[in-house]
C-alpha atoms as a PDB file:
ATOM      1  CA  MET A   1      59.532  60.611 -51.649  1.00  0.00           C
ATOM      2  CA  ASP A   2      57.197  60.778 -49.168  1.00  0.00           C
ATOM      3  CA  LEU A   3      55.362  57.877 -47.546  1.00  0.00           C
ATOM      4  CA  THR A   4      52.816  57.169 -49.868  1.00  0.00           C
ATOM      5  CA  THR A   5      54.854  57.138 -53.004  1.00  0.00           C
ATOM      6  CA  THR A   6      57.174  54.275 -51.102  1.00  0.00           C
ATOM      7  CA  GLN A   7      53.739  52.181 -50.162  1.00  0.00           C
ATOM      8  CA  GLN A   8      52.991  51.991 -53.727  1.00  0.00           C
ATOM      9  CA  GLN A   9      56.597  51.771 -55.212  1.00  0.00           C
ATOM     10  CA  VAL A  10      56.484  48.688 -52.708  1.00  0.00           C
ATOM     11  CA  ARG A  11      52.792  46.720 -53.368  1.00  0.00           C
ATOM     12  CA  GLY A  12      54.622  47.607 -57.156  1.00  0.00           C
ATOM     13  CA  ALA A  13      57.528  45.454 -56.260  1.00  0.00           C
ATOM     14  CA  LEU A  14      55.343  42.859 -54.927  1.00  0.00           C
ATOM     15  CA  THR A  15      53.456  42.072 -58.046  1.00  0.00           C
ATOM     16  CA  ASP A  16      56.501  42.892 -60.362  1.00  0.00           C
ATOM     17  CA  ARG A  17      58.351  40.005 -61.102  1.00  0.00           C
ATOM     18  CA  ARG A  18      61.145  41.741 -62.645  1.00  0.00           C
ATOM     19  CA  ARG A  19      61.741  44.067 -59.242  1.00  0.00           C
ATOM     20  CA  LEU A  20      60.884  41.084 -56.568  1.00  0.00           C
ATOM     21  CA  VAL A  21      63.374  38.765 -57.755  1.00  0.00           C
ATOM     22  CA  PRO A  22      66.282  40.054 -57.529  1.00  0.00           C
ATOM     23  CA  PHE A  23      65.282  42.091 -54.513  1.00  0.00           C
ATOM     24  CA  LEU A  24      64.643  38.860 -52.676  1.00  0.00           C
ATOM     25  CA  LEU A  25      67.947  37.386 -54.149  1.00  0.00           C
ATOM     26  CA  ALA A  26      69.665  39.908 -52.863  1.00  0.00           C
ATOM     27  CA  PHE A  27      67.909  40.348 -49.480  1.00  0.00           C
ATOM     28  CA  GLY A  28      69.009  36.063 -49.603  1.00  0.00           C
ATOM     29  CA  VAL A  29      72.662  36.771 -50.391  1.00  0.00           C
ATOM     30  CA  TYR A  30      72.160  39.170 -47.362  1.00  0.00           C
ATOM     31  CA  GLY A  31      71.062  37.050 -44.801  1.00  0.00           C
ATOM     32  CA  VAL A  32      74.326  34.456 -46.132  1.00  0.00           C
ATOM     33  CA  ALA A  33      76.475  37.014 -45.583  1.00  0.00           C
ATOM     34  CA  GLY A  34      74.769  37.228 -42.206  1.00  0.00           C
ATOM     35  CA  VAL A  35      75.669  33.889 -40.868  1.00  0.00           C
ATOM     36  CA  THR A  36      79.055  33.799 -43.036  1.00  0.00           C
ATOM     37  CA  VAL A  37      80.973  36.499 -40.859  1.00  0.00           C
ATOM     38  CA  PRO A  38      80.009  35.260 -37.376  1.00  0.00           C
ATOM     39  CA  LEU A  39      81.351  32.005 -38.395  1.00  0.00           C
ATOM     40  CA  LEU A  40      84.145  33.577 -39.857  1.00  0.00           C
ATOM     41  CA  LEU A  41      85.238  35.239 -36.674  1.00  0.00           C
ATOM     42  CA  LEU A  42      85.028  32.385 -34.585  1.00  0.00           C
ATOM     43  CA  PHE A  43      86.287  30.022 -36.548  1.00  0.00           C
ATOM     44  CA  ALA A  44      88.945  32.002 -36.363  1.00  0.00           C
ATOM     45  CA  GLY A  45      88.860  32.431 -32.494  1.00  0.00           C
ATOM     46  CA  GLY A  46      88.659  28.747 -32.107  1.00  0.00           C
ATOM     47  CA  TRP A  47      85.382  29.600 -30.779  1.00  0.00           C
ATOM     48  CA  TRP A  48      82.372  26.895 -30.283  1.00  0.00           C
ATOM     49  CA  LEU A  49      82.743  25.491 -34.063  1.00  0.00           C
ATOM     50  CA  PRO A  50      82.871  21.406 -34.688  1.00  0.00           C
ATOM     51  CA  LYS A  51      85.958  22.534 -36.951  1.00  0.00           C
ATOM     52  CA  THR A  52      88.216  25.756 -36.018  1.00  0.00           C
ATOM     53  CA  VAL A  53      91.539  26.782 -36.990  1.00  0.00           C
ATOM     54  CA  ASP A  54      93.214  25.252 -34.609  1.00  0.00           C
ATOM     55  CA  GLU A  55      91.343  21.410 -35.088  1.00  0.00           C
ATOM     56  CA  GLY A  56      89.926  19.194 -36.798  1.00  0.00           C
ATOM     57  CA  PRO A  57      90.418  16.423 -39.458  1.00  0.00           C
ATOM     58  CA  HIS A  58      93.645  17.447 -41.065  1.00  0.00           C
ATOM     59  CA  LEU A  59      96.380  15.642 -43.241  1.00  0.00           C
ATOM     60  CA  SER A  60     100.136  15.609 -42.344  1.00  0.00           C
ATOM     61  CA  THR A  61     102.025  18.670 -41.903  1.00  0.00           C
ATOM     62  CA  GLY A  62     103.351  18.698 -45.829  1.00  0.00           C
ATOM     63  CA  PRO A  63     100.003  18.509 -47.813  1.00  0.00           C
ATOM     64  CA  ALA A  64      98.267  20.149 -44.671  1.00  0.00           C
ATOM     65  CA  ILE A  65     100.867  23.787 -45.334  1.00  0.00           C
ATOM     66  CA  ALA A  66     100.525  23.909 -48.986  1.00  0.00           C
ATOM     67  CA  ILE A  67      96.935  23.593 -48.996  1.00  0.00           C
ATOM     68  CA  ASP A  68      96.242  26.350 -46.559  1.00  0.00           C
ATOM     69  CA  VAL A  69      99.005  28.570 -48.123  1.00  0.00           C
ATOM     70  CA  LEU A  70      96.301  28.043 -51.227  1.00  0.00           C
ATOM     71  CA  LEU A  71      93.531  28.970 -49.799  1.00  0.00           C
ATOM     72  CA  LEU A  72      95.207  31.749 -48.065  1.00  0.00           C
ATOM     73  CA  ALA A  73      96.012  32.531 -51.598  1.00  0.00           C
ATOM     74  CA  LEU A  74      93.083  32.384 -53.126  1.00  0.00           C
ATOM     75  CA  PHE A  75      90.916  34.306 -50.231  1.00  0.00           C
ATOM     76  CA  GLY A  76      93.101  37.317 -51.326  1.00  0.00           C
ATOM     77  CA  LEU A  77      93.226  37.401 -55.382  1.00  0.00           C
ATOM     78  CA  GLN A  78      89.636  37.307 -54.445  1.00  0.00           C
ATOM     79  CA  HIS A  79      89.012  39.398 -52.022  1.00  0.00           C
ATOM     80  CA  SER A  80      91.442  42.280 -53.783  1.00  0.00           C
ATOM     81  CA  GLY A  81      91.251  41.192 -57.604  1.00  0.00           C
ATOM     82  CA  MET A  82      87.263  41.844 -56.916  1.00  0.00           C
ATOM     83  CA  SER A  83      87.083  45.150 -55.332  1.00  0.00           C
ATOM     84  CA  ARG A  84      88.904  46.892 -58.370  1.00  0.00           C
ATOM     85  CA  PRO A  85      87.072  48.971 -59.467  1.00  0.00           C
ATOM     86  CA  ALA A  86      88.312  47.836 -63.388  1.00  0.00           C
ATOM     87  CA  PHE A  87      86.733  44.199 -62.053  1.00  0.00           C
ATOM     88  CA  LYS A  88      83.676  46.111 -60.944  1.00  0.00           C
ATOM     89  CA  ALA A  89      83.259  47.179 -64.197  1.00  0.00           C
ATOM     90  CA  PHE A  90      84.202  44.531 -65.757  1.00  0.00           C
ATOM     91  CA  ILE A  91      80.622  42.672 -63.635  1.00  0.00           C
ATOM     92  CA  THR A  92      78.391  45.447 -64.718  1.00  0.00           C
ATOM     93  CA  ARG A  93      78.881  44.844 -67.720  1.00  0.00           C
ATOM     94  CA  TRP A  94      77.261  40.813 -67.018  1.00  0.00           C
ATOM     95  CA  VAL A  95      74.687  42.452 -64.260  1.00  0.00           C
ATOM     96  CA  PRO A  96      72.549  45.086 -63.277  1.00  0.00           C
ATOM     97  CA  GLU A  97      74.981  47.711 -61.351  1.00  0.00           C
ATOM     98  CA  ALA A  98      72.453  47.701 -58.182  1.00  0.00           C
ATOM     99  CA  LEU A  99      73.311  43.475 -57.898  1.00  0.00           C
ATOM    100  CA  GLU A 100      77.185  44.351 -58.256  1.00  0.00           C
ATOM    101  CA  ARG A 101      77.678  44.267 -54.365  1.00  0.00           C
ATOM    102  CA  THR A 102      75.886  41.413 -54.258  1.00  0.00           C
ATOM    103  CA  VAL A 103      77.907  39.102 -56.839  1.00  0.00           C
ATOM    104  CA  TYR A 104      80.425  40.027 -55.216  1.00  0.00           C
ATOM    105  CA  ILE A 105      79.266  39.519 -51.264  1.00  0.00           C
ATOM    106  CA  VAL A 106      78.001  36.014 -52.852  1.00  0.00           C
ATOM    107  CA  MET A 107      81.731  35.141 -53.968  1.00  0.00           C
ATOM    108  CA  VAL A 108      83.450  36.057 -50.550  1.00  0.00           C
ATOM    109  CA  CYS A 109      80.756  33.835 -48.577  1.00  0.00           C
ATOM    110  CA  LEU A 110      81.568  31.209 -51.422  1.00  0.00           C
ATOM    111  CA  VAL A 111      85.524  31.872 -51.181  1.00  0.00           C
ATOM    112  CA  VAL A 112      85.038  31.994 -46.840  1.00  0.00           C
ATOM    113  CA  TRP A 113      83.067  28.335 -46.996  1.00  0.00           C
ATOM    114  CA  VAL A 114      85.624  26.965 -49.049  1.00  0.00           C
ATOM    115  CA  MET A 115      88.557  27.915 -47.046  1.00  0.00           C
ATOM    116  CA  CYS A 116      86.585  27.147 -43.362  1.00  0.00           C
ATOM    117  CA  LEU A 117      85.587  23.832 -44.938  1.00  0.00           C
ATOM    118  CA  ALA A 118      88.680  22.682 -46.475  1.00  0.00           C
ATOM    119  CA  TRP A 119      91.882  23.924 -43.480  1.00  0.00           C
ATOM    120  CA  GLN A 120      94.176  22.280 -42.775  1.00  0.00           C
ATOM    121  CA  PRO A 121      95.074  22.427 -38.415  1.00  0.00           C
ATOM    122  CA  LEU A 122      98.657  21.838 -37.011  1.00  0.00           C
ATOM    123  CA  PRO A 123      97.882  21.686 -34.010  1.00  0.00           C
ATOM    124  CA  GLN A 124     101.401  22.075 -32.806  1.00  0.00           C
ATOM    125  CA  ARG A 125     101.142  24.841 -30.382  1.00  0.00           C
ATOM    126  CA  ILE A 126     103.034  27.706 -30.457  1.00  0.00           C
ATOM    127  CA  TRP A 127     102.095  29.471 -27.208  1.00  0.00           C
ATOM    128  CA  SER A 128      99.137  29.051 -24.377  1.00  0.00           C
ATOM    129  CA  ALA A 129      98.397  31.301 -21.994  1.00  0.00           C
ATOM    130  CA  ASP A 130      96.454  31.560 -19.097  1.00  0.00           C
ATOM    131  CA  GLY A 131      95.169  33.972 -16.177  1.00  0.00           C
ATOM    132  CA  VAL A 132      95.600  37.431 -16.874  1.00  0.00           C
ATOM    133  CA  VAL A 133      97.123  36.748 -20.324  1.00  0.00           C
ATOM    134  CA  GLY A 134      95.033  34.227 -21.303  1.00  0.00           C
ATOM    135  CA  THR A 135      91.958  36.711 -20.493  1.00  0.00           C
ATOM    136  CA  VAL A 136      93.367  39.939 -22.166  1.00  0.00           C
ATOM    137  CA  LEU A 137      93.917  37.657 -25.775  1.00  0.00           C
ATOM    138  CA  ASP A 138      90.253  35.896 -25.477  1.00  0.00           C
ATOM    139  CA  ALA A 139      89.208  39.940 -24.275  1.00  0.00           C
ATOM    140  CA  GLY A 140      91.398  41.124 -27.482  1.00  0.00           C
ATOM    141  CA  PHE A 141      89.332  39.028 -29.685  1.00  0.00           C
ATOM    142  CA  TRP A 142      86.448  39.760 -28.865  1.00  0.00           C
ATOM    143  CA  LEU A 143      87.169  43.140 -28.775  1.00  0.00           C
ATOM    144  CA  GLY A 144      87.817  42.674 -32.679  1.00  0.00           C
ATOM    145  CA  PHE A 145      85.017  40.877 -33.182  1.00  0.00           C
ATOM    146  CA  VAL A 146      82.778  44.072 -32.107  1.00  0.00           C
ATOM    147  CA  LEU A 147      84.590  46.833 -33.765  1.00  0.00           C
ATOM    148  CA  VAL A 148      84.428  44.321 -36.739  1.00  0.00           C
ATOM    149  CA  TYR A 149      80.505  45.007 -36.880  1.00  0.00           C
ATOM    150  CA  ALA A 150      80.933  48.740 -35.269  1.00  0.00           C
ATOM    151  CA  ALA A 151      83.252  49.545 -38.415  1.00  0.00           C
ATOM    152  CA  THR A 152      80.569  48.288 -40.979  1.00  0.00           C
ATOM    153  CA  LEU A 153      77.756  49.743 -39.526  1.00  0.00           C
ATOM    154  CA  LEU A 154      79.673  53.008 -39.212  1.00  0.00           C
ATOM    155  CA  LEU A 155      80.425  52.508 -43.112  1.00  0.00           C
ATOM    156  CA  ASN A 156      76.983  52.228 -43.767  1.00  0.00           C
ATOM    157  CA  HIS A 157      76.052  48.040 -43.049  1.00  0.00           C
ATOM    158  CA  PHE A 158      73.481  47.428 -45.679  1.00  0.00           C
ATOM    159  CA  HIS A 159      75.165  49.181 -48.290  1.00  0.00           C
ATOM    160  CA  LEU A 160      78.099  47.201 -47.770  1.00  0.00           C
ATOM    161  CA  LEU A 161      76.908  44.661 -48.144  1.00  0.00           C
ATOM    162  CA  GLY A 162      74.771  44.722 -50.926  1.00  0.00           C
ATOM    163  CA  ILE A 163      70.994  45.164 -49.899  1.00  0.00           C
ATOM    164  CA  SER A 164      70.421  48.813 -50.067  1.00  0.00           C
ATOM    165  CA  GLN A 165      71.646  49.389 -53.995  1.00  0.00           C
ATOM    166  CA  ALA A 166      68.962  46.600 -54.550  1.00  0.00           C
ATOM    167  CA  TYR A 167      66.423  47.857 -52.512  1.00  0.00           C
ATOM    168  CA  ARG A 168      66.775  51.317 -53.832  1.00  0.00           C
ATOM    169  CA  HIS A 169      66.705  50.172 -57.997  1.00  0.00           C
ATOM    170  CA  TYR A 170      64.089  47.566 -57.367  1.00  0.00           C
ATOM    171  CA  VAL A 171      61.654  48.107 -54.642  1.00  0.00           C
ATOM    172  CA  ILE A 172      61.336  52.176 -54.224  1.00  0.00           C
ATOM    173  CA  GLN A 173      63.120  52.788 -58.155  1.00  0.00           C
ATOM    174  CA  VAL A 174      65.026  56.008 -56.648  1.00  0.00           C
ATOM    175  CA  PRO A 175      68.922  56.568 -57.442  1.00  0.00           C
ATOM    176  CA  ASP A 176      70.900  54.695 -55.744  1.00  0.00           C
ATOM    177  CA  ALA A 177      72.430  56.809 -52.589  1.00  0.00           C
ATOM    178  CA  THR A 178      76.150  58.044 -52.841  1.00  0.00           C
ATOM    179  CA  MET A 179      78.509  56.979 -51.052  1.00  0.00           C
ATOM    180  CA  ASP A 180      81.616  59.777 -51.586  1.00  0.00           C
ATOM    181  CA  ARG A 181      82.091  61.361 -47.797  1.00  0.00           C
ATOM    182  CA  LEU A 182      85.122  60.399 -46.231  1.00  0.00           C
ATOM    183  CA  GLN A 183      84.014  58.255 -43.016  1.00  0.00           C
ATOM    184  CA  VAL A 184      85.898  59.718 -39.645  1.00  0.00           C
ATOM    185  CA  HIS A 185      83.556  59.725 -37.219  1.00  0.00           C
ATOM    186  CA  GLY A 186      83.368  56.795 -34.536  1.00  0.00           C
ATOM    187  CA  PRO A 187      86.687  54.385 -34.128  1.00  0.00           C
ATOM    188  CA  TYR A 188      87.651  55.863 -37.021  1.00  0.00           C
ATOM    189  CA  ARG A 189      88.962  59.111 -35.139  1.00  0.00           C
ATOM    190  CA  LEU A 190      91.476  57.019 -33.766  1.00  0.00           C
ATOM    191  CA  VAL A 191      92.238  54.855 -37.442  1.00  0.00           C
ATOM    192  CA  ARG A 192      91.391  54.631 -40.074  1.00  0.00           C
ATOM    193  CA  HIS A 193      90.973  51.275 -40.628  1.00  0.00           C
ATOM    194  CA  PRO A 194      88.768  50.365 -38.068  1.00  0.00           C
ATOM    195  CA  LEU A 195      87.250  46.800 -39.444  1.00  0.00           C
ATOM    196  CA  MET A 196      90.837  45.773 -41.167  1.00  0.00           C
ATOM    197  CA  THR A 197      91.676  46.441 -36.568  1.00  0.00           C
ATOM    198  CA  GLY A 198      88.948  44.391 -35.914  1.00  0.00           C
ATOM    199  CA  LEU A 199      89.754  41.669 -37.717  1.00  0.00           C
ATOM    200  CA  LEU A 200      94.020  42.014 -36.749  1.00  0.00           C
ATOM    201  CA  LEU A 201      92.305  41.828 -33.519  1.00  0.00           C
ATOM    202  CA  SER A 202      90.506  38.552 -33.859  1.00  0.00           C
ATOM    203  CA  PHE A 203      93.268  36.967 -36.124  1.00  0.00           C
ATOM    204  CA  TRP A 204      95.802  37.277 -33.656  1.00  0.00           C
ATOM    205  CA  CYS A 205      94.882  37.522 -30.014  1.00  0.00           C
ATOM    206  CA  ALA A 206      94.393  33.811 -29.038  1.00  0.00           C
ATOM    207  CA  SER A 207      95.007  32.253 -25.507  1.00  0.00           C
ATOM    208  CA  ASP A 208      96.052  28.879 -27.500  1.00  0.00           C
ATOM    209  CA  MET A 209      97.938  29.828 -30.728  1.00  0.00           C
ATOM    210  CA  THR A 210      98.711  26.784 -32.833  1.00  0.00           C
ATOM    211  CA  ALA A 211     100.905  26.631 -36.296  1.00  0.00           C
ATOM    212  CA  GLY A 212      98.055  26.581 -38.373  1.00  0.00           C
ATOM    213  CA  HIS A 213      96.530  29.766 -36.429  1.00  0.00           C
ATOM    214  CA  LEU A 214      99.823  31.583 -36.984  1.00  0.00           C
ATOM    215  CA  LEU A 215     100.238  30.300 -40.748  1.00  0.00           C
ATOM    216  CA  TRP A 216      96.283  32.048 -40.860  1.00  0.00           C
ATOM    217  CA  ALA A 217      97.219  34.720 -38.947  1.00  0.00           C
ATOM    218  CA  VAL A 218     100.354  35.531 -41.106  1.00  0.00           C
ATOM    219  CA  GLY A 219      98.423  35.342 -44.356  1.00  0.00           C
ATOM    220  CA  LEU A 220      95.483  37.388 -43.272  1.00  0.00           C
ATOM    221  CA  THR A 221      97.435  39.910 -42.221  1.00  0.00           C
ATOM    222  CA  GLY A 222      99.553  40.411 -45.591  1.00  0.00           C
ATOM    223  CA  TYR A 223      96.845  40.181 -47.647  1.00  0.00           C
ATOM    224  CA  ILE A 224      94.701  43.248 -44.814  1.00  0.00           C
ATOM    225  CA  LEU A 225      97.896  44.758 -45.340  1.00  0.00           C
ATOM    226  CA  LEU A 226      97.844  44.637 -49.663  1.00  0.00           C
ATOM    227  CA  GLY A 227      94.311  45.453 -49.866  1.00  0.00           C
ATOM    228  CA  THR A 228      95.017  48.351 -47.045  1.00  0.00           C
ATOM    229  CA  PHE A 229      97.782  49.365 -49.499  1.00  0.00           C
ATOM    230  CA  LEU A 230      95.472  49.143 -52.190  1.00  0.00           C
ATOM    231  CA  GLU A 231      92.385  51.002 -51.475  1.00  0.00           C
ATOM    232  CA  GLU A 232      94.011  53.974 -49.508  1.00  0.00           C
ATOM    233  CA  ARG A 233      95.049  54.401 -53.351  1.00  0.00           C
ATOM    234  CA  ASP A 234      91.913  54.341 -54.269  1.00  0.00           C
ATOM    235  CA  LEU A 235      90.854  56.535 -51.523  1.00  0.00           C
ATOM    236  CA  VAL A 236      93.749  59.448 -52.229  1.00  0.00           C
ATOM    237  CA  ALA A 237      91.750  59.409 -55.794  1.00  0.00           C
ATOM    238  CA  ARG A 238      89.040  59.807 -54.809  1.00  0.00           C
ATOM    239  CA  PHE A 239      89.154  62.217 -51.951  1.00  0.00           C
ATOM    240  CA  GLY A 240      92.508  63.771 -52.822  1.00  0.00           C
ATOM    241  CA  ALA A 241      93.553  65.849 -50.081  1.00  0.00           C
ATOM    242  CA  ALA A 242      91.304  65.654 -47.625  1.00  0.00           C
ATOM    243  CA  TYR A 243      92.477  62.189 -48.019  1.00  0.00           C
ATOM    244  CA  ARG A 244      96.034  62.869 -47.570  1.00  0.00           C
ATOM    245  CA  ALA A 245      95.538  65.340 -44.363  1.00  0.00           C
ATOM    246  CA  TYR A 246      93.549  62.454 -42.662  1.00  0.00           C
ATOM    247  CA  ALA A 247      96.148  59.710 -43.091  1.00  0.00           C
ATOM    248  CA  GLU A 248      98.165  62.463 -41.484  1.00  0.00           C
ATOM    249  CA  GLN A 249      95.732  63.323 -38.696  1.00  0.00           C
ATOM    250  CA  VAL A 250      95.283  59.371 -38.329  1.00  0.00           C
ATOM    251  CA  PRO A 251      96.894  56.189 -38.190  1.00  0.00           C
ATOM    252  CA  ALA A 252      96.084  53.207 -40.343  1.00  0.00           C
ATOM    253  CA  PHE A 253      95.333  50.106 -37.695  1.00  0.00           C
ATOM    254  CA  PHE A 254      95.724  51.149 -34.497  1.00  0.00           C
ATOM    255  CA  PRO A 255      95.633  54.626 -32.013  1.00  0.00           C
ATOM    256  CA  SER A 256      99.187  55.707 -31.063  1.00  0.00           C
ATOM    257  CA  PRO A 257     100.268  57.845 -28.179  1.00  0.00           C
ATOM    258  CA  LEU A 258     101.692  60.388 -29.930  1.00  0.00           C
ATOM    259  CA  GLY A 259      99.893  63.037 -31.177  1.00  0.00           C
ATOM    260  CA  PRO A 260     100.131  63.906 -35.296  1.00  0.00           C
ATOM    261  CA  SER A 261     102.505  66.379 -34.504  1.00  0.00           C
ATOM    262  CA  ALA A 262     105.226  64.115 -32.735  1.00  0.00           C
ATOM    263  CA  ARG A 263     104.536  61.645 -35.202  1.00  0.00           C
ATOM    264  CA  ALA A 264     105.200  63.838 -38.311  1.00  0.00           C
ATOM    265  CA  ARG A 265     108.542  64.622 -36.576  1.00  0.00           C
ATOM    266  CA  LEU A 266     109.415  61.007 -35.980  1.00  0.00           C
ATOM    267  CA  ARG A 267     108.541  59.987 -38.992  1.00  0.00           C
ATOM    268  CA  GLN A 268     111.105  62.858 -40.875  1.00  0.00           C
ATOM    269  CA  ALA A 269     113.700  61.773 -38.163  1.00  0.00           C
ATOM    270  CA  LEU A 270     113.748  58.109 -39.583  1.00  0.00           C
ATOM    271  CA  LEU A 271     113.615  58.902 -43.062  1.00  0.00           C
ATOM    272  CA  GLY A 272     116.346  61.688 -42.678  1.00  0.00           C
ATOM    273  CA  ARG A 273     118.146  59.812 -40.935  1.00  0.00           C
ATOM    274  CA  SER A 274     117.971  56.862 -43.909  1.00  0.00           C
ATOM    275  CA  ASP A 275     118.531  59.347 -46.414  1.00  0.00           C
ATOM    276  CA  GLN A 276     122.462  59.753 -44.497  1.00  0.00           C
ATOM    277  CA  PRO A 277     125.506  57.828 -46.475  1.00  0.00           C
ATOM    278  CA  GLN A 278     126.106  54.597 -44.782  1.00  0.00           C
END
């Protein structure tokens, strides 16, 4: 599509409410997500906010744990459930396909805000690190923060947050670009799931770790492991042998000092040992 045609399509969208309103809705949701994601990470890291995973008003220990576990379960169910292809097919029965991702992002933001506002801190200290160790842990959090954004940019940031689909459908009216391309560049050369690596770092790297922070980190790590298992199953279905070969070469979350062949030998040795009769 040339520049003149694009300008004509944009002008047409500005004068047609049936095209303009859905795009503005998607754009507004993108803006909400742009605020929600950094606030979630700062909340998880215990940085600067009036209420964080570590500090704020809370109930007694028993009710606080019960509420926090329910919030973690809600987060995991929403993320994993709505990201399944079957649920996406269900959603598109009721909303245009171009807004399916926008609906998902709306629900993600809603759950995140509920989770953060209702979270019950458990202030008992698990560890408190000063000096070099504390500095390294804090640096690990910020490394995770940056990695989350780097991973989304490499995965097509605007498509991931739903704005690209709405722009292409409602503004310039061209088919959505397919995302069937295996990403193996940048941090994806070191780990298969750098977004999850960034989240794990931001959840676990804390110079001050409270009981509530530990519950948060353990619960969301469980979600990450489950969500990654389901995602990898979908990736194998989409990319087949290409993804299996990629998975053989690249670790899931953290770079390995061992090369692919060394890891394969170690895995074979462990499997062989587990198969031996007791």
